[in-house]
Amino acid sequence: MIGFDYGTSNCAVGIMSQGQPQLVELGDYGRYMSSTLYAPSREVIVNWLQKQLSQTNQITFNQQRQWQLQKGRSVLRD
């Protein structure tokens, strides 16, 4: 399970690990990034987020969000 927190100042992404929420590292941003995220569609955000995850987390993310990732790639081509 993955959760997104779009706060007024900062955003964070978390996953459930052994029944406890755990914040995900977002590449160079650390665990939080400023709330200035813009994308023409939500599918584009899924693709950006996937690229920010560690390779271990990408595997699970890819399995759980296969359809959204495919749709996001399609949106980016258009």
N, C-alpha and C. Protein backbone atom coordinates (compact mmCIF):
# COMPACT_ATOMS: atom_id res chain seq x y z
N MET A 1 0.85 -1.16 0.00
CA MET A 1 0.00 0.00 0.00
C MET A 1 0.90 1.23 0.00
N ILE A 2 0.51 2.23 -0.77
CA ILE A 2 1.27 3.48 -0.86
C ILE A 2 0.34 4.64 -0.58
N GLY A 3 0.83 5.66 0.08
CA GLY A 3 0.02 6.82 0.39
C GLY A 3 0.76 8.09 0.01
N PHE A 4 0.01 9.07 -0.46
CA PHE A 4 0.57 10.36 -0.85
C PHE A 4 0.03 11.43 0.09
N ASP A 5 0.89 12.29 0.57
CA ASP A 5 0.49 13.42 1.41
C ASP A 5 0.85 14.69 0.65
N TYR A 6 -0.17 15.32 0.08
CA TYR A 6 0.04 16.58 -0.64
C TYR A 6 -0.28 17.71 0.33
N GLY A 7 0.68 18.10 1.13
CA GLY A 7 0.49 19.16 2.11
C GLY A 7 0.60 20.54 1.47
N THR A 8 0.25 21.56 2.24
CA THR A 8 0.32 22.92 1.71
C THR A 8 1.75 23.41 1.58
N SER A 9 2.67 22.88 2.37
CA SER A 9 4.07 23.29 2.30
C SER A 9 4.98 22.20 1.75
N ASN A 10 4.72 20.96 2.16
CA ASN A 10 5.57 19.82 1.75
C ASN A 10 4.72 18.63 1.35
N CYS A 11 5.30 17.77 0.54
CA CYS A 11 4.67 16.52 0.12
C CYS A 11 5.54 15.36 0.60
N ALA A 12 4.89 14.24 0.83
CA ALA A 12 5.62 13.03 1.22
C ALA A 12 4.89 11.82 0.64
N VAL A 13 5.63 10.72 0.53
CA VAL A 13 5.07 9.46 0.06
C VAL A 13 5.44 8.41 1.09
N GLY A 14 4.48 7.58 1.44
CA GLY A 14 4.75 6.54 2.42
C GLY A 14 4.24 5.20 1.96
N ILE A 15 4.85 4.15 2.47
CA ILE A 15 4.40 2.78 2.21
C ILE A 15 4.20 2.09 3.55
N MET A 16 3.40 1.06 3.57
CA MET A 16 3.22 0.26 4.78
C MET A 16 4.29 -0.83 4.78
N SER A 17 5.02 -0.93 5.86
CA SER A 17 6.06 -1.93 6.01
C SER A 17 5.90 -2.59 7.37
N GLN A 18 5.57 -3.86 7.36
CA GLN A 18 5.34 -4.62 8.58
C GLN A 18 4.29 -3.95 9.47
N GLY A 19 3.23 -3.45 8.84
CA GLY A 19 2.13 -2.84 9.57
C GLY A 19 2.37 -1.42 10.05
N GLN A 20 3.50 -0.81 9.66
CA GLN A 20 3.84 0.55 10.09
C GLN A 20 4.10 1.42 8.86
N PRO A 21 3.65 2.68 8.90
CA PRO A 21 3.95 3.57 7.78
C PRO A 21 5.44 3.93 7.76
N GLN A 22 5.99 4.00 6.56
CA GLN A 22 7.40 4.34 6.38
C GLN A 22 7.50 5.32 5.23
N LEU A 23 8.12 6.48 5.47
CA LEU A 23 8.31 7.47 4.40
C LEU A 23 9.33 6.97 3.40
N VAL A 24 9.09 7.27 2.14
CA VAL A 24 9.95 6.85 1.04
C VAL A 24 10.91 7.98 0.70
N GLU A 25 12.17 7.64 0.48
CA GLU A 25 13.16 8.63 0.02
C GLU A 25 12.82 9.01 -1.42
N LEU A 26 12.79 10.30 -1.69
CA LEU A 26 12.44 10.81 -3.02
C LEU A 26 13.68 11.35 -3.72
N GLY A 27 14.64 10.49 -3.93
CA GLY A 27 15.86 10.88 -4.63
C GLY A 27 16.58 12.02 -3.94
N ASP A 28 16.94 13.04 -4.68
CA ASP A 28 17.67 14.19 -4.15
C ASP A 28 16.85 15.01 -3.16
N TYR A 29 15.54 14.80 -3.12
CA TYR A 29 14.66 15.59 -2.26
C TYR A 29 14.62 15.09 -0.82
N GLY A 30 15.09 13.89 -0.57
CA GLY A 30 14.97 13.31 0.76
C GLY A 30 13.57 12.76 0.95
N ARG A 31 13.04 12.86 2.14
CA ARG A 31 11.70 12.31 2.43
C ARG A 31 10.58 13.30 2.14
N TYR A 32 10.91 14.56 2.02
CA TYR A 32 9.91 15.59 1.77
C TYR A 32 10.35 16.44 0.59
N MET A 33 9.37 16.95 -0.14
CA MET A 33 9.67 17.91 -1.20
C MET A 33 8.63 19.02 -1.12
N SER A 34 8.96 20.17 -1.63
CA SER A 34 8.02 21.30 -1.55
C SER A 34 6.77 21.01 -2.37
N SER A 35 5.67 21.59 -1.97
CA SER A 35 4.38 21.34 -2.61
C SER A 35 4.18 22.20 -3.84
N THR A 36 5.08 22.08 -4.78
CA THR A 36 4.97 22.83 -6.03
C THR A 36 4.86 21.87 -7.21
N LEU A 37 4.35 20.69 -6.95
CA LEU A 37 4.24 19.65 -7.96
C LEU A 37 3.16 20.00 -8.98
N TYR A 38 3.51 19.98 -10.25
CA TYR A 38 2.56 20.22 -11.32
C TYR A 38 2.76 19.16 -12.38
N ALA A 39 1.68 18.65 -12.89
CA ALA A 39 1.73 17.71 -14.01
C ALA A 39 0.42 17.86 -14.79
N PRO A 40 0.48 17.66 -16.09
CA PRO A 40 -0.74 17.77 -16.90
C PRO A 40 -1.78 16.68 -16.58
N SER A 41 -1.33 15.58 -15.98
CA SER A 41 -2.25 14.52 -15.57
C SER A 41 -1.62 13.73 -14.43
N ARG A 42 -2.44 13.05 -13.65
CA ARG A 42 -1.90 12.30 -12.51
C ARG A 42 -1.02 11.14 -12.95
N GLU A 43 -1.23 10.61 -14.15
CA GLU A 43 -0.41 9.52 -14.64
C GLU A 43 1.05 9.92 -14.80
N VAL A 44 1.30 11.17 -15.13
CA VAL A 44 2.67 11.66 -15.27
C VAL A 44 3.37 11.63 -13.92
N ILE A 45 2.66 11.95 -12.85
CA ILE A 45 3.23 11.94 -11.50
C ILE A 45 3.69 10.54 -11.12
N VAL A 46 2.91 9.53 -11.47
CA VAL A 46 3.26 8.14 -11.15
C VAL A 46 4.59 7.77 -11.78
N ASN A 47 4.80 8.17 -13.03
CA ASN A 47 6.07 7.87 -13.70
C ASN A 47 7.24 8.61 -13.08
N TRP A 48 7.04 9.86 -12.70
CA TRP A 48 8.11 10.63 -12.05
C TRP A 48 8.46 9.98 -10.71
N LEU A 49 7.44 9.64 -9.94
CA LEU A 49 7.66 9.05 -8.62
C LEU A 49 8.42 7.73 -8.74
N GLN A 50 8.06 6.91 -9.70
CA GLN A 50 8.72 5.62 -9.89
C GLN A 50 10.22 5.81 -10.09
N LYS A 51 10.61 6.83 -10.82
CA LYS A 51 12.02 7.08 -11.09
C LYS A 51 12.78 7.55 -9.84
N GLN A 52 12.06 8.09 -8.85
CA GLN A 52 12.70 8.60 -7.64
C GLN A 52 12.94 7.51 -6.59
N LEU A 53 12.28 6.37 -6.72
CA LEU A 53 12.37 5.30 -5.72
C LEU A 53 13.67 4.50 -5.86
N SER A 54 14.07 3.88 -4.77
CA SER A 54 15.21 2.97 -4.84
C SER A 54 14.83 1.79 -5.73
N GLN A 55 15.82 1.06 -6.23
CA GLN A 55 15.52 -0.07 -7.11
C GLN A 55 14.67 -1.11 -6.41
N THR A 56 14.90 -1.33 -5.14
CA THR A 56 14.10 -2.30 -4.37
C THR A 56 12.63 -1.87 -4.35
N ASN A 57 12.38 -0.60 -4.05
CA ASN A 57 11.00 -0.11 -4.01
C ASN A 57 10.39 -0.01 -5.41
N GLN A 58 11.21 0.21 -6.43
CA GLN A 58 10.69 0.28 -7.79
C GLN A 58 10.07 -1.04 -8.22
N ILE A 59 10.64 -2.15 -7.81
CA ILE A 59 10.11 -3.46 -8.20
C ILE A 59 8.67 -3.61 -7.73
N THR A 60 8.44 -3.36 -6.45
CA THR A 60 7.09 -3.47 -5.89
C THR A 60 6.16 -2.45 -6.52
N PHE A 61 6.64 -1.21 -6.65
CA PHE A 61 5.85 -0.13 -7.23
C PHE A 61 5.43 -0.48 -8.65
N ASN A 62 6.37 -1.00 -9.44
CA ASN A 62 6.08 -1.39 -10.83
C ASN A 62 5.00 -2.46 -10.88
N GLN A 63 5.06 -3.42 -9.97
CA GLN A 63 4.07 -4.50 -9.95
C GLN A 63 2.70 -3.96 -9.57
N GLN A 64 2.65 -3.04 -8.62
CA GLN A 64 1.38 -2.53 -8.12
C GLN A 64 0.78 -1.44 -9.00
N ARG A 65 1.60 -0.75 -9.77
CA ARG A 65 1.13 0.39 -10.57
C ARG A 65 1.40 0.21 -12.06
N GLN A 66 1.40 -1.03 -12.52
CA GLN A 66 1.73 -1.33 -13.92
C GLN A 66 0.82 -0.57 -14.89
N TRP A 67 -0.47 -0.59 -14.66
CA TRP A 67 -1.43 0.07 -15.56
C TRP A 67 -1.21 1.58 -15.57
N GLN A 68 -1.05 2.18 -14.38
CA GLN A 68 -0.85 3.63 -14.29
C GLN A 68 0.46 4.05 -14.96
N LEU A 69 1.52 3.27 -14.78
CA LEU A 69 2.80 3.58 -15.42
C LEU A 69 2.68 3.53 -16.94
N GLN A 70 1.99 2.52 -17.44
CA GLN A 70 1.79 2.39 -18.89
C GLN A 70 0.98 3.57 -19.42
N LYS A 71 -0.07 3.95 -18.72
CA LYS A 71 -0.90 5.08 -19.15
C LYS A 71 -0.09 6.37 -19.11
N GLY A 72 0.74 6.54 -18.08
CA GLY A 72 1.58 7.73 -17.98
C GLY A 72 2.56 7.84 -19.13
N ARG A 73 3.15 6.72 -19.52
CA ARG A 73 4.07 6.74 -20.67
C ARG A 73 3.33 7.14 -21.94
N SER A 74 2.10 6.68 -22.06
CA SER A 74 1.27 7.04 -23.22
C SER A 74 0.97 8.54 -23.23
N VAL A 75 0.65 9.10 -22.07
CA VAL A 75 0.36 10.53 -21.95
C VAL A 75 1.60 11.34 -22.32
N LEU A 76 2.77 10.90 -21.87
CA LEU A 76 4.00 11.63 -22.18
C LEU A 76 4.33 11.62 -23.66
N ARG A 77 3.97 10.54 -24.36
CA ARG A 77 4.23 10.47 -25.81
C ARG A 77 3.34 11.44 -26.58
N ASP A 78 2.13 11.66 -26.07
CA ASP A 78 1.18 12.54 -26.78
C ASP A 78 1.52 13.95 -26.61
